[in-house]
Amino acid sequence: MFTLAHISDPHLGPLPTVRVAELLNKRLFGYLSWVRRRKALHRPEVLAALSDDLGTLTPDHLVVTGDLTNIALIDEFTQVAEWLRGLGAPEAVSVVPGNHDAYIAVPWEASLAKWQAFMSSEEGPAVNGVAGMPARLPLGRPEDFPFVRYRGPVAIVGLSSAQPTPLFCAHGTLGEAQLARLGPLLRRLGEEGWFRVVLIHHPPSLEKIAWRKRLIDAVPFRQVIAESGAEMVLHGHDHIFGAERIAGPGGGEVPVIGVPSASASRDSKHPVAHYHLYGIEQAGNGWRVGVTARGFDPASGRFREMRSYPL
């Protein structure tokens, strides 16, 4: 059985030292939100407990679906890169960015390029009929999404819906070019027999997300999934448990699952920190997936199993 762990929206804190010049834009409002409310909710001790729990359970791979930073300070990207290395080597961790990671426009080299090793695409795991560790292809620019990584029976497909947005907006967009690349990739992976896990920050919901936080091209994304297929779509963004099914090929359905923030220290209008473990194994001509939700227990300061169920 292959075990995949999914966390999202860690909003790593505390913020690094902020210079006044860095706040002469949309960041000012995010900074004030952090000082007044968010720094009391998104706690480093919760992320430390998460790291301990993952270290004890040792899943085969970890995926992180965005919002690792808070206001996209250049020093935040460096801070997050160090935190990711603490969770595991790039071979063991895959990341896609979220809207907070694109809070304002920051040059690629100064921002997401610092996480490049965790977003690298790979060749297939067999060359000339000889199985082996896949060769890494560097992910050079945002336009190189989607990336694909192969782990066990799983093909991890990472998308970027992150883009700078106007004040008070947090929507995301995949864009026509990324969607055009996604369809053929998913079809090829399906023909090769992979369990396809699609990572995206914004949920592709049509009704269950606030207008200002929506995935603008949710309808064309869902159309790609309906035509090309996937076994599972994982997201974050809204800090709640997401559970939806969207159309897949031939009248089938594809589960779309979200998790709360990985650093939330208490229940507020959103749940306390949780993450999911997916146990994935082949079952005849299909797949069997079991889900274990692990949540932060403020009383003990540790994560524990909250519930387990078949998907």
C-alpha atoms as a PDB file:
ATOM      1  CA  MET A   1       0.000   0.000   0.000  1.00  0.00           C
ATOM      2  CA  PHE A   2       1.234   3.478  -0.889  1.00  0.00           C
ATOM      3  CA  THR A   3       0.584   6.214   1.695  1.00  0.00           C
ATOM      4  CA  LEU A   4       0.164   9.795   0.542  1.00  0.00           C
ATOM      5  CA  ALA A   5      -0.077  12.647   3.080  1.00  0.00           C
ATOM      6  CA  HIS A   6      -1.851  15.899   2.171  1.00  0.00           C
ATOM      7  CA  ILE A   7      -1.459  19.205   4.015  1.00  0.00           C
ATOM      8  CA  SER A   8      -2.417  22.698   2.944  1.00  0.00           C
ATOM      9  CA  ASP A   9      -2.324  26.366   3.898  1.00  0.00           C
ATOM     10  CA  PRO A  10       0.387  26.241   6.578  1.00  0.00           C
ATOM     11  CA  HIS A  11       0.799  30.049   6.500  1.00  0.00           C
ATOM     12  CA  LEU A  12       4.236  29.736   8.029  1.00  0.00           C
ATOM     13  CA  GLY A  13       4.979  32.158  10.831  1.00  0.00           C
ATOM     14  CA  PRO A  14       6.206  34.247  12.420  1.00  0.00           C
ATOM     15  CA  LEU A  15       6.675  36.807   9.687  1.00  0.00           C
ATOM     16  CA  PRO A  16      10.274  37.796   8.984  1.00  0.00           C
ATOM     17  CA  THR A  17      11.266  41.401   9.608  1.00  0.00           C
ATOM     18  CA  VAL A  18       9.120  43.620   7.416  1.00  0.00           C
ATOM     19  CA  ARG A  19      10.507  46.789   5.846  1.00  0.00           C
ATOM     20  CA  VAL A  20       8.183  49.753   5.334  1.00  0.00           C
ATOM     21  CA  ALA A  21       8.883  49.783   1.597  1.00  0.00           C
ATOM     22  CA  GLU A  22       7.524  46.235   1.350  1.00  0.00           C
ATOM     23  CA  LEU A  23       4.147  47.387   2.654  1.00  0.00           C
ATOM     24  CA  LEU A  24       3.487  50.160   0.155  1.00  0.00           C
ATOM     25  CA  ASN A  25       1.050  47.933  -1.733  1.00  0.00           C
ATOM     26  CA  LYS A  26      -1.593  45.259  -1.053  1.00  0.00           C
ATOM     27  CA  ARG A  27       0.747  43.668   1.508  1.00  0.00           C
ATOM     28  CA  LEU A  28      -0.163  46.385   4.028  1.00  0.00           C
ATOM     29  CA  PHE A  29      -3.663  44.976   4.484  1.00  0.00           C
ATOM     30  CA  GLY A  30      -2.357  41.414   4.754  1.00  0.00           C
ATOM     31  CA  TYR A  31       0.195  42.548   7.321  1.00  0.00           C
ATOM     32  CA  LEU A  32      -2.473  44.257   9.422  1.00  0.00           C
ATOM     33  CA  SER A  33      -4.616  41.110   9.228  1.00  0.00           C
ATOM     34  CA  TRP A  34      -1.633  39.050  10.403  1.00  0.00           C
ATOM     35  CA  VAL A  35      -0.905  41.326  13.349  1.00  0.00           C
ATOM     36  CA  ARG A  36      -4.511  41.680  14.461  1.00  0.00           C
ATOM     37  CA  ARG A  37      -5.787  38.138  13.969  1.00  0.00           C
ATOM     38  CA  ARG A  38      -3.903  35.599  11.922  1.00  0.00           C
ATOM     39  CA  LYS A  39      -0.678  35.320  13.936  1.00  0.00           C
ATOM     40  CA  ALA A  40      -2.728  34.142  16.927  1.00  0.00           C
ATOM     41  CA  LEU A  41      -4.396  31.465  14.796  1.00  0.00           C
ATOM     42  CA  HIS A  42      -1.567  30.134  12.616  1.00  0.00           C
ATOM     43  CA  ARG A  43       0.918  28.880  15.164  1.00  0.00           C
ATOM     44  CA  PRO A  44       4.458  27.529  14.678  1.00  0.00           C
ATOM     45  CA  GLU A  45       3.965  25.055  17.550  1.00  0.00           C
ATOM     46  CA  VAL A  46       1.129  23.424  15.578  1.00  0.00           C
ATOM     47  CA  LEU A  47       3.410  23.031  12.577  1.00  0.00           C
ATOM     48  CA  ALA A  48       6.094  21.579  14.861  1.00  0.00           C
ATOM     49  CA  ALA A  49       3.567  19.022  16.135  1.00  0.00           C
ATOM     50  CA  LEU A  50       2.604  18.264  12.525  1.00  0.00           C
ATOM     51  CA  SER A  51       6.230  17.659  11.603  1.00  0.00           C
ATOM     52  CA  ASP A  52       6.623  15.306  14.575  1.00  0.00           C
ATOM     53  CA  ASP A  53       3.492  13.380  13.586  1.00  0.00           C
ATOM     54  CA  LEU A  54       4.605  13.007   9.978  1.00  0.00           C
ATOM     55  CA  GLY A  55       8.028  11.912  11.179  1.00  0.00           C
ATOM     56  CA  THR A  56       6.459   9.197  13.314  1.00  0.00           C
ATOM     57  CA  LEU A  57       4.075   7.906  10.632  1.00  0.00           C
ATOM     58  CA  THR A  58       6.542   8.234   7.718  1.00  0.00           C
ATOM     59  CA  PRO A  59       4.132   8.410   4.746  1.00  0.00           C
ATOM     60  CA  ASP A  60       5.606   7.523   1.378  1.00  0.00           C
ATOM     61  CA  HIS A  61       5.095  11.025   0.028  1.00  0.00           C
ATOM     62  CA  LEU A  62       3.804  14.407   1.203  1.00  0.00           C
ATOM     63  CA  VAL A  63       1.928  16.970  -0.908  1.00  0.00           C
ATOM     64  CA  VAL A  64       1.325  20.601   0.052  1.00  0.00           C
ATOM     65  CA  THR A  65      -1.392  22.516  -1.808  1.00  0.00           C
ATOM     66  CA  GLY A  66      -0.374  26.128  -1.395  1.00  0.00           C
ATOM     67  CA  ASP A  67      -0.468  29.195   0.827  1.00  0.00           C
ATOM     68  CA  LEU A  68       2.831  28.485   2.502  1.00  0.00           C
ATOM     69  CA  THR A  69       3.552  32.207   2.891  1.00  0.00           C
ATOM     70  CA  ASN A  70       1.349  34.985   4.241  1.00  0.00           C
ATOM     71  CA  ILE A  71       2.074  38.146   2.237  1.00  0.00           C
ATOM     72  CA  ALA A  72       4.718  36.887  -0.235  1.00  0.00           C
ATOM     73  CA  LEU A  73       7.702  38.639   1.308  1.00  0.00           C
ATOM     74  CA  ILE A  74      10.958  37.629  -0.349  1.00  0.00           C
ATOM     75  CA  ASP A  75      12.298  36.456   3.021  1.00  0.00           C
ATOM     76  CA  GLU A  76       9.177  34.339   3.494  1.00  0.00           C
ATOM     77  CA  PHE A  77      10.073  32.261   0.437  1.00  0.00           C
ATOM     78  CA  THR A  78      13.491  31.561   1.928  1.00  0.00           C
ATOM     79  CA  GLN A  79      11.911  30.700   5.285  1.00  0.00           C
ATOM     80  CA  VAL A  80       9.469  28.293   3.639  1.00  0.00           C
ATOM     81  CA  ALA A  81      12.230  26.599   1.625  1.00  0.00           C
ATOM     82  CA  GLU A  82      14.066  25.807   4.866  1.00  0.00           C
ATOM     83  CA  TRP A  83      10.845  24.521   6.446  1.00  0.00           C
ATOM     84  CA  LEU A  84      10.137  22.259   3.484  1.00  0.00           C
ATOM     85  CA  ARG A  85      13.611  20.733   3.725  1.00  0.00           C
ATOM     86  CA  GLY A  86      12.843  19.997   7.360  1.00  0.00           C
ATOM     87  CA  LEU A  87       9.811  17.978   6.262  1.00  0.00           C
ATOM     88  CA  GLY A  88      11.754  15.908   3.777  1.00  0.00           C
ATOM     89  CA  ALA A  89      13.973  15.842   0.727  1.00  0.00           C
ATOM     90  CA  PRO A  90      12.513  17.202  -2.526  1.00  0.00           C
ATOM     91  CA  GLU A  91      12.007  13.606  -3.659  1.00  0.00           C
ATOM     92  CA  ALA A  92       9.654  13.096  -0.704  1.00  0.00           C
ATOM     93  CA  VAL A  93       7.649  16.351  -0.880  1.00  0.00           C
ATOM     94  CA  SER A  94       5.663  17.993  -3.704  1.00  0.00           C
ATOM     95  CA  VAL A  95       4.319  21.549  -3.575  1.00  0.00           C
ATOM     96  CA  VAL A  96       1.989  23.785  -5.586  1.00  0.00           C
ATOM     97  CA  PRO A  97       1.593  27.524  -4.849  1.00  0.00           C
ATOM     98  CA  GLY A  98      -1.477  29.320  -3.530  1.00  0.00           C
ATOM     99  CA  ASN A  99      -2.849  32.842  -3.772  1.00  0.00           C
ATOM    100  CA  HIS A 100      -0.912  34.038  -0.703  1.00  0.00           C
ATOM    101  CA  ASP A 101       2.260  32.871  -2.445  1.00  0.00           C
ATOM    102  CA  ALA A 102       1.347  35.305  -5.234  1.00  0.00           C
ATOM    103  CA  TYR A 103      -0.017  38.037  -2.952  1.00  0.00           C
ATOM    104  CA  ILE A 104       1.669  40.616  -5.167  1.00  0.00           C
ATOM    105  CA  ALA A 105       3.848  40.165  -8.220  1.00  0.00           C
ATOM    106  CA  VAL A 106       7.339  39.056  -7.134  1.00  0.00           C
ATOM    107  CA  PRO A 107      10.015  37.957  -9.627  1.00  0.00           C
ATOM    108  CA  TRP A 108      10.152  34.168 -10.029  1.00  0.00           C
ATOM    109  CA  GLU A 109      13.845  34.010  -9.118  1.00  0.00           C
ATOM    110  CA  ALA A 110      13.187  35.778  -5.808  1.00  0.00           C
ATOM    111  CA  SER A 111      10.097  33.782  -4.890  1.00  0.00           C
ATOM    112  CA  LEU A 112       8.842  30.400  -6.121  1.00  0.00           C
ATOM    113  CA  ALA A 113      12.161  29.488  -7.702  1.00  0.00           C
ATOM    114  CA  LYS A 114      13.374  28.895  -4.131  1.00  0.00           C
ATOM    115  CA  TRP A 115      10.971  25.933  -3.976  1.00  0.00           C
ATOM    116  CA  GLN A 116      11.843  24.718  -7.456  1.00  0.00           C
ATOM    117  CA  ALA A 117      13.211  21.371  -6.249  1.00  0.00           C
ATOM    118  CA  PHE A 118       9.790  20.564  -4.750  1.00  0.00           C
ATOM    119  CA  MET A 119       7.975  21.400  -7.989  1.00  0.00           C
ATOM    120  CA  SER A 120      10.249  19.670 -10.482  1.00  0.00           C
ATOM    121  CA  SER A 121       8.795  17.599 -13.284  1.00  0.00           C
ATOM    122  CA  GLU A 122      10.135  14.152 -14.121  1.00  0.00           C
ATOM    123  CA  GLU A 123      10.510  11.783 -16.999  1.00  0.00           C
ATOM    124  CA  GLY A 124       8.753   8.439 -16.862  1.00  0.00           C
ATOM    125  CA  PRO A 125      10.229   5.875 -14.453  1.00  0.00           C
ATOM    126  CA  ALA A 126      11.299   3.497 -17.238  1.00  0.00           C
ATOM    127  CA  VAL A 127      13.851   4.248 -19.947  1.00  0.00           C
ATOM    128  CA  ASN A 128      14.487   1.723 -22.714  1.00  0.00           C
ATOM    129  CA  GLY A 129      12.447  -0.804 -20.756  1.00  0.00           C
ATOM    130  CA  VAL A 130      14.646  -0.539 -17.670  1.00  0.00           C
ATOM    131  CA  ALA A 131      12.879   0.608 -14.505  1.00  0.00           C
ATOM    132  CA  GLY A 132      14.738   2.995 -12.271  1.00  0.00           C
ATOM    133  CA  MET A 133      14.659   6.327 -10.471  1.00  0.00           C
ATOM    134  CA  PRO A 134      13.197   8.955 -12.833  1.00  0.00           C
ATOM    135  CA  ALA A 135      15.424  11.699 -14.157  1.00  0.00           C
ATOM    136  CA  ARG A 136      14.612  15.212 -12.963  1.00  0.00           C
ATOM    137  CA  LEU A 137      13.669  17.938 -15.381  1.00  0.00           C
ATOM    138  CA  PRO A 138      14.013  21.423 -13.888  1.00  0.00           C
ATOM    139  CA  LEU A 139      10.839  23.461 -13.669  1.00  0.00           C
ATOM    140  CA  GLY A 140      12.099  26.734 -15.035  1.00  0.00           C
ATOM    141  CA  ARG A 141       9.125  29.063 -15.114  1.00  0.00           C
ATOM    142  CA  PRO A 142       5.467  29.288 -14.079  1.00  0.00           C
ATOM    143  CA  GLU A 143       4.441  28.472 -17.641  1.00  0.00           C
ATOM    144  CA  ASP A 144       6.001  25.022 -17.195  1.00  0.00           C
ATOM    145  CA  PHE A 145       3.062  23.861 -15.053  1.00  0.00           C
ATOM    146  CA  PRO A 146       1.625  21.269 -14.819  1.00  0.00           C
ATOM    147  CA  PHE A 147       4.475  19.197 -13.446  1.00  0.00           C
ATOM    148  CA  VAL A 148       4.304  15.433 -12.996  1.00  0.00           C
ATOM    149  CA  ARG A 149       6.156  13.267 -10.468  1.00  0.00           C
ATOM    150  CA  TYR A 150       6.017   9.476 -10.155  1.00  0.00           C
ATOM    151  CA  ARG A 151       5.913   7.761  -6.772  1.00  0.00           C
ATOM    152  CA  GLY A 152       4.934   4.112  -6.370  1.00  0.00           C
ATOM    153  CA  PRO A 153       1.685   3.630  -8.312  1.00  0.00           C
ATOM    154  CA  VAL A 154       0.910   7.365  -8.136  1.00  0.00           C
ATOM    155  CA  ALA A 155       1.458  10.097 -10.713  1.00  0.00           C
ATOM    156  CA  ILE A 156       1.338  13.473  -8.960  1.00  0.00           C
ATOM    157  CA  VAL A 157       0.213  16.269 -11.275  1.00  0.00           C
ATOM    158  CA  GLY A 158       0.806  19.770  -9.933  1.00  0.00           C
ATOM    159  CA  LEU A 159      -1.051  22.839 -11.189  1.00  0.00           C
ATOM    160  CA  SER A 160      -0.632  26.524 -10.389  1.00  0.00           C
ATOM    161  CA  SER A 161      -3.745  28.639  -9.892  1.00  0.00           C
ATOM    162  CA  ALA A 162      -1.702  31.304  -8.056  1.00  0.00           C
ATOM    163  CA  GLN A 163      -1.746  34.822  -9.455  1.00  0.00           C
ATOM    164  CA  PRO A 164      -1.537  38.358  -8.060  1.00  0.00           C
ATOM    165  CA  THR A 165      -5.027  39.724  -7.471  1.00  0.00           C
ATOM    166  CA  PRO A 166      -6.554  43.119  -6.652  1.00  0.00           C
ATOM    167  CA  LEU A 167      -7.216  44.197  -3.079  1.00  0.00           C
ATOM    168  CA  PHE A 168      -9.788  42.042  -1.246  1.00  0.00           C
ATOM    169  CA  CYS A 169      -9.658  39.373  -3.962  1.00  0.00           C
ATOM    170  CA  ALA A 170      -8.190  35.872  -3.626  1.00  0.00           C
ATOM    171  CA  HIS A 171      -9.335  34.158  -6.806  1.00  0.00           C
ATOM    172  CA  GLY A 172      -7.192  31.896  -8.939  1.00  0.00           C
ATOM    173  CA  THR A 173      -6.744  31.119 -12.621  1.00  0.00           C
ATOM    174  CA  LEU A 174      -5.152  28.201 -14.436  1.00  0.00           C
ATOM    175  CA  GLY A 175      -5.241  29.755 -17.890  1.00  0.00           C
ATOM    176  CA  GLU A 176      -5.860  28.271 -21.315  1.00  0.00           C
ATOM    177  CA  ALA A 177      -2.261  27.171 -21.911  1.00  0.00           C
ATOM    178  CA  GLN A 178      -1.984  25.202 -18.666  1.00  0.00           C
ATOM    179  CA  LEU A 179      -5.355  23.553 -19.235  1.00  0.00           C
ATOM    180  CA  ALA A 180      -4.357  22.675 -22.808  1.00  0.00           C
ATOM    181  CA  ARG A 181      -1.286  20.861 -21.472  1.00  0.00           C
ATOM    182  CA  LEU A 182      -3.224  19.160 -18.668  1.00  0.00           C
ATOM    183  CA  GLY A 183      -5.659  17.156 -20.818  1.00  0.00           C
ATOM    184  CA  PRO A 184      -3.130  15.201 -22.920  1.00  0.00           C
ATOM    185  CA  LEU A 185      -0.963  14.628 -19.833  1.00  0.00           C
ATOM    186  CA  LEU A 186      -3.836  13.100 -17.869  1.00  0.00           C
ATOM    187  CA  ARG A 187      -4.863  10.933 -20.804  1.00  0.00           C
ATOM    188  CA  ARG A 188      -1.345   9.573 -21.228  1.00  0.00           C
ATOM    189  CA  LEU A 189      -0.984   8.841 -17.524  1.00  0.00           C
ATOM    190  CA  GLY A 190      -4.349   7.091 -17.514  1.00  0.00           C
ATOM    191  CA  GLU A 191      -3.378   4.922 -20.476  1.00  0.00           C
ATOM    192  CA  GLU A 192      -0.172   3.976 -18.663  1.00  0.00           C
ATOM    193  CA  GLY A 193      -2.155   2.858 -15.603  1.00  0.00           C
ATOM    194  CA  TRP A 194      -1.128   5.442 -13.015  1.00  0.00           C
ATOM    195  CA  PHE A 195      -3.261   6.559 -10.061  1.00  0.00           C
ATOM    196  CA  ARG A 196      -3.519  10.239 -11.023  1.00  0.00           C
ATOM    197  CA  VAL A 197      -3.556  12.753  -8.167  1.00  0.00           C
ATOM    198  CA  VAL A 198      -4.103  16.343  -9.301  1.00  0.00           C
ATOM    199  CA  LEU A 199      -2.888  19.093  -6.945  1.00  0.00           C
ATOM    200  CA  ILE A 200      -4.457  22.556  -7.128  1.00  0.00           C
ATOM    201  CA  HIS A 201      -4.799  25.296  -4.538  1.00  0.00           C
ATOM    202  CA  HIS A 202      -8.251  26.668  -5.392  1.00  0.00           C
ATOM    203  CA  PRO A 203     -11.162  24.205  -5.201  1.00  0.00           C
ATOM    204  CA  PRO A 204     -12.885  23.771  -8.582  1.00  0.00           C
ATOM    205  CA  SER A 205     -16.279  24.295  -6.979  1.00  0.00           C
ATOM    206  CA  LEU A 206     -19.098  26.100  -8.726  1.00  0.00           C
ATOM    207  CA  GLU A 207     -21.230  26.886  -5.689  1.00  0.00           C
ATOM    208  CA  LYS A 208     -19.396  26.198  -2.427  1.00  0.00           C
ATOM    209  CA  ILE A 209     -16.809  28.972  -2.576  1.00  0.00           C
ATOM    210  CA  ALA A 210     -17.119  32.748  -2.166  1.00  0.00           C
ATOM    211  CA  TRP A 211     -17.062  34.643  -5.441  1.00  0.00           C
ATOM    212  CA  ARG A 212     -13.897  36.574  -4.568  1.00  0.00           C
ATOM    213  CA  LYS A 213     -12.082  33.318  -3.715  1.00  0.00           C
ATOM    214  CA  ARG A 214     -13.214  31.227  -6.671  1.00  0.00           C
ATOM    215  CA  LEU A 215     -11.258  29.416  -9.351  1.00  0.00           C
ATOM    216  CA  ILE A 216     -12.185  31.568 -12.322  1.00  0.00           C
ATOM    217  CA  ASP A 217     -11.800  28.771 -14.850  1.00  0.00           C
ATOM    218  CA  ALA A 218     -13.377  26.029 -12.745  1.00  0.00           C
ATOM    219  CA  VAL A 219     -15.755  25.096 -15.573  1.00  0.00           C
ATOM    220  CA  PRO A 220     -13.031  24.410 -18.185  1.00  0.00           C
ATOM    221  CA  PHE A 221     -10.959  22.604 -15.548  1.00  0.00           C
ATOM    222  CA  ARG A 222     -13.887  20.336 -14.771  1.00  0.00           C
ATOM    223  CA  GLN A 223     -14.356  19.760 -18.490  1.00  0.00           C
ATOM    224  CA  VAL A 224     -10.738  18.596 -18.808  1.00  0.00           C
ATOM    225  CA  ILE A 225     -11.260  16.163 -15.920  1.00  0.00           C
ATOM    226  CA  ALA A 226     -14.519  14.932 -17.456  1.00  0.00           C
ATOM    227  CA  GLU A 227     -12.776  14.219 -20.755  1.00  0.00           C
ATOM    228  CA  SER A 228      -9.334  13.041 -19.604  1.00  0.00           C
ATOM    229  CA  GLY A 229      -9.918  11.644 -16.124  1.00  0.00           C
ATOM    230  CA  ALA A 230      -8.114  11.575 -12.776  1.00  0.00           C
ATOM    231  CA  GLU A 231      -8.419   9.406  -9.696  1.00  0.00           C
ATOM    232  CA  MET A 232      -8.361  12.244  -7.164  1.00  0.00           C
ATOM    233  CA  VAL A 233      -8.116  16.058  -6.981  1.00  0.00           C
ATOM    234  CA  LEU A 234      -6.627  17.574  -3.796  1.00  0.00           C
ATOM    235  CA  HIS A 235      -6.880  21.247  -2.844  1.00  0.00           C
ATOM    236  CA  GLY A 236      -6.726  23.751  -0.001  1.00  0.00           C
ATOM    237  CA  HIS A 237      -7.571  27.477   0.071  1.00  0.00           C
ATOM    238  CA  ASP A 238     -10.800  27.692   2.048  1.00  0.00           C
ATOM    239  CA  HIS A 239      -9.461  26.138   5.313  1.00  0.00           C
ATOM    240  CA  ILE A 240     -12.309  23.644   5.603  1.00  0.00           C
ATOM    241  CA  PHE A 241     -12.943  19.972   4.860  1.00  0.00           C
ATOM    242  CA  GLY A 242     -13.824  19.847   1.193  1.00  0.00           C
ATOM    243  CA  ALA A 243     -15.678  16.838  -0.216  1.00  0.00           C
ATOM    244  CA  GLU A 244     -17.156  16.950  -3.683  1.00  0.00           C
ATOM    245  CA  ARG A 245     -17.364  14.710  -6.720  1.00  0.00           C
ATOM    246  CA  ILE A 246     -17.090  16.000 -10.256  1.00  0.00           C
ATOM    247  CA  ALA A 247     -17.727  14.280 -13.563  1.00  0.00           C
ATOM    248  CA  GLY A 248     -15.126  11.934 -14.979  1.00  0.00           C
ATOM    249  CA  PRO A 249     -14.991  10.047 -18.291  1.00  0.00           C
ATOM    250  CA  GLY A 250     -17.771   7.628 -19.184  1.00  0.00           C
ATOM    251  CA  GLY A 251     -20.178   8.829 -16.530  1.00  0.00           C
ATOM    252  CA  GLY A 252     -17.731   8.209 -13.693  1.00  0.00           C
ATOM    253  CA  GLU A 253     -16.953  10.559 -10.825  1.00  0.00           C
ATOM    254  CA  VAL A 254     -13.708  12.007  -9.484  1.00  0.00           C
ATOM    255  CA  PRO A 255     -13.426  12.872  -5.759  1.00  0.00           C
ATOM    256  CA  VAL A 256     -12.290  16.415  -4.971  1.00  0.00           C
ATOM    257  CA  ILE A 257     -10.978  16.723  -1.403  1.00  0.00           C
ATOM    258  CA  GLY A 258      -9.749  19.680   0.641  1.00  0.00           C
ATOM    259  CA  VAL A 259      -8.217  19.962   4.101  1.00  0.00           C
ATOM    260  CA  PRO A 260      -8.179  22.738   6.730  1.00  0.00           C
ATOM    261  CA  SER A 261      -5.128  24.871   7.389  1.00  0.00           C
ATOM    262  CA  ALA A 262      -2.203  22.827   8.700  1.00  0.00           C
ATOM    263  CA  SER A 263      -1.345  25.471  11.317  1.00  0.00           C
ATOM    264  CA  ALA A 264      -4.746  26.452  12.771  1.00  0.00           C
ATOM    265  CA  SER A 265      -4.367  26.295  16.542  1.00  0.00           C
ATOM    266  CA  ARG A 266      -8.048  26.339  17.448  1.00  0.00           C
ATOM    267  CA  ASP A 267     -11.535  26.045  16.082  1.00  0.00           C
ATOM    268  CA  SER A 268     -12.831  29.412  14.985  1.00  0.00           C
ATOM    269  CA  LYS A 269     -15.046  29.821  11.952  1.00  0.00           C
ATOM    270  CA  HIS A 270     -12.785  27.155  10.421  1.00  0.00           C
ATOM    271  CA  PRO A 271     -11.671  23.795  11.851  1.00  0.00           C
ATOM    272  CA  VAL A 272      -8.517  23.284  13.865  1.00  0.00           C
ATOM    273  CA  ALA A 273      -5.470  21.998  11.945  1.00  0.00           C
ATOM    274  CA  HIS A 274      -5.920  18.670  10.141  1.00  0.00           C
ATOM    275  CA  TYR A 275      -4.261  16.665   7.432  1.00  0.00           C
ATOM    276  CA  HIS A 276      -5.168  13.534   5.490  1.00  0.00           C
ATOM    277  CA  LEU A 277      -3.410  10.246   4.901  1.00  0.00           C
ATOM    278  CA  TYR A 278      -4.477   8.292   1.816  1.00  0.00           C
ATOM    279  CA  GLY A 279      -3.727   4.583   1.635  1.00  0.00           C
ATOM    280  CA  ILE A 280      -3.723   3.713  -2.080  1.00  0.00           C
ATOM    281  CA  GLU A 281      -3.574   0.201  -3.513  1.00  0.00           C
ATOM    282  CA  GLN A 282      -4.698  -1.588  -6.636  1.00  0.00           C
ATOM    283  CA  ALA A 283      -7.842  -3.692  -6.400  1.00  0.00           C
ATOM    284  CA  GLY A 284      -8.403  -5.795  -9.496  1.00  0.00           C
ATOM    285  CA  ASN A 285      -8.812  -3.444 -12.417  1.00  0.00           C
ATOM    286  CA  GLY A 286      -9.403  -0.476 -10.123  1.00  0.00           C
ATOM    287  CA  TRP A 287      -8.145   1.141  -6.962  1.00  0.00           C
ATOM    288  CA  ARG A 288      -8.910   1.003  -3.266  1.00  0.00           C
ATOM    289  CA  VAL A 289      -8.352   4.160  -1.200  1.00  0.00           C
ATOM    290  CA  GLY A 290      -8.642   4.567   2.553  1.00  0.00           C
ATOM    291  CA  VAL A 291      -8.630   8.004   4.193  1.00  0.00           C
ATOM    292  CA  THR A 292      -7.375   8.798   7.684  1.00  0.00           C
ATOM    293  CA  ALA A 293      -7.941  12.310   9.036  1.00  0.00           C
ATOM    294  CA  ARG A 294      -5.489  13.412  11.702  1.00  0.00           C
ATOM    295  CA  GLY A 295      -6.181  16.569  13.662  1.00  0.00           C
ATOM    296  CA  PHE A 296      -4.452  18.768  16.194  1.00  0.00           C
ATOM    297  CA  ASP A 297      -5.520  18.251  19.810  1.00  0.00           C
ATOM    298  CA  PRO A 298      -4.930  21.542  21.691  1.00  0.00           C
ATOM    299  CA  ALA A 299      -5.107  19.761  25.054  1.00  0.00           C
ATOM    300  CA  SER A 300      -2.160  17.482  24.324  1.00  0.00           C
ATOM    301  CA  GLY A 301      -0.403  19.650  21.775  1.00  0.00           C
ATOM    302  CA  ARG A 302      -0.240  16.671  19.401  1.00  0.00           C
ATOM    303  CA  PHE A 303      -1.953  15.359  16.311  1.00  0.00           C
ATOM    304  CA  ARG A 304      -4.119  12.263  16.638  1.00  0.00           C
ATOM    305  CA  GLU A 305      -6.443  10.217  14.457  1.00  0.00           C
ATOM    306  CA  MET A 306      -9.894  11.749  14.276  1.00  0.00           C
ATOM    307  CA  ARG A 307     -11.611   9.405  11.836  1.00  0.00           C
ATOM    308  CA  SER A 308     -10.940   6.857   9.130  1.00  0.00           C
ATOM    309  CA  TYR A 309     -13.107   5.851   6.186  1.00  0.00           C
ATOM    310  CA  PRO A 310     -12.972   4.305   2.691  1.00  0.00           C
ATOM    311  CA  LEU A 311     -13.092   6.681  -0.238  1.00  0.00           C
END
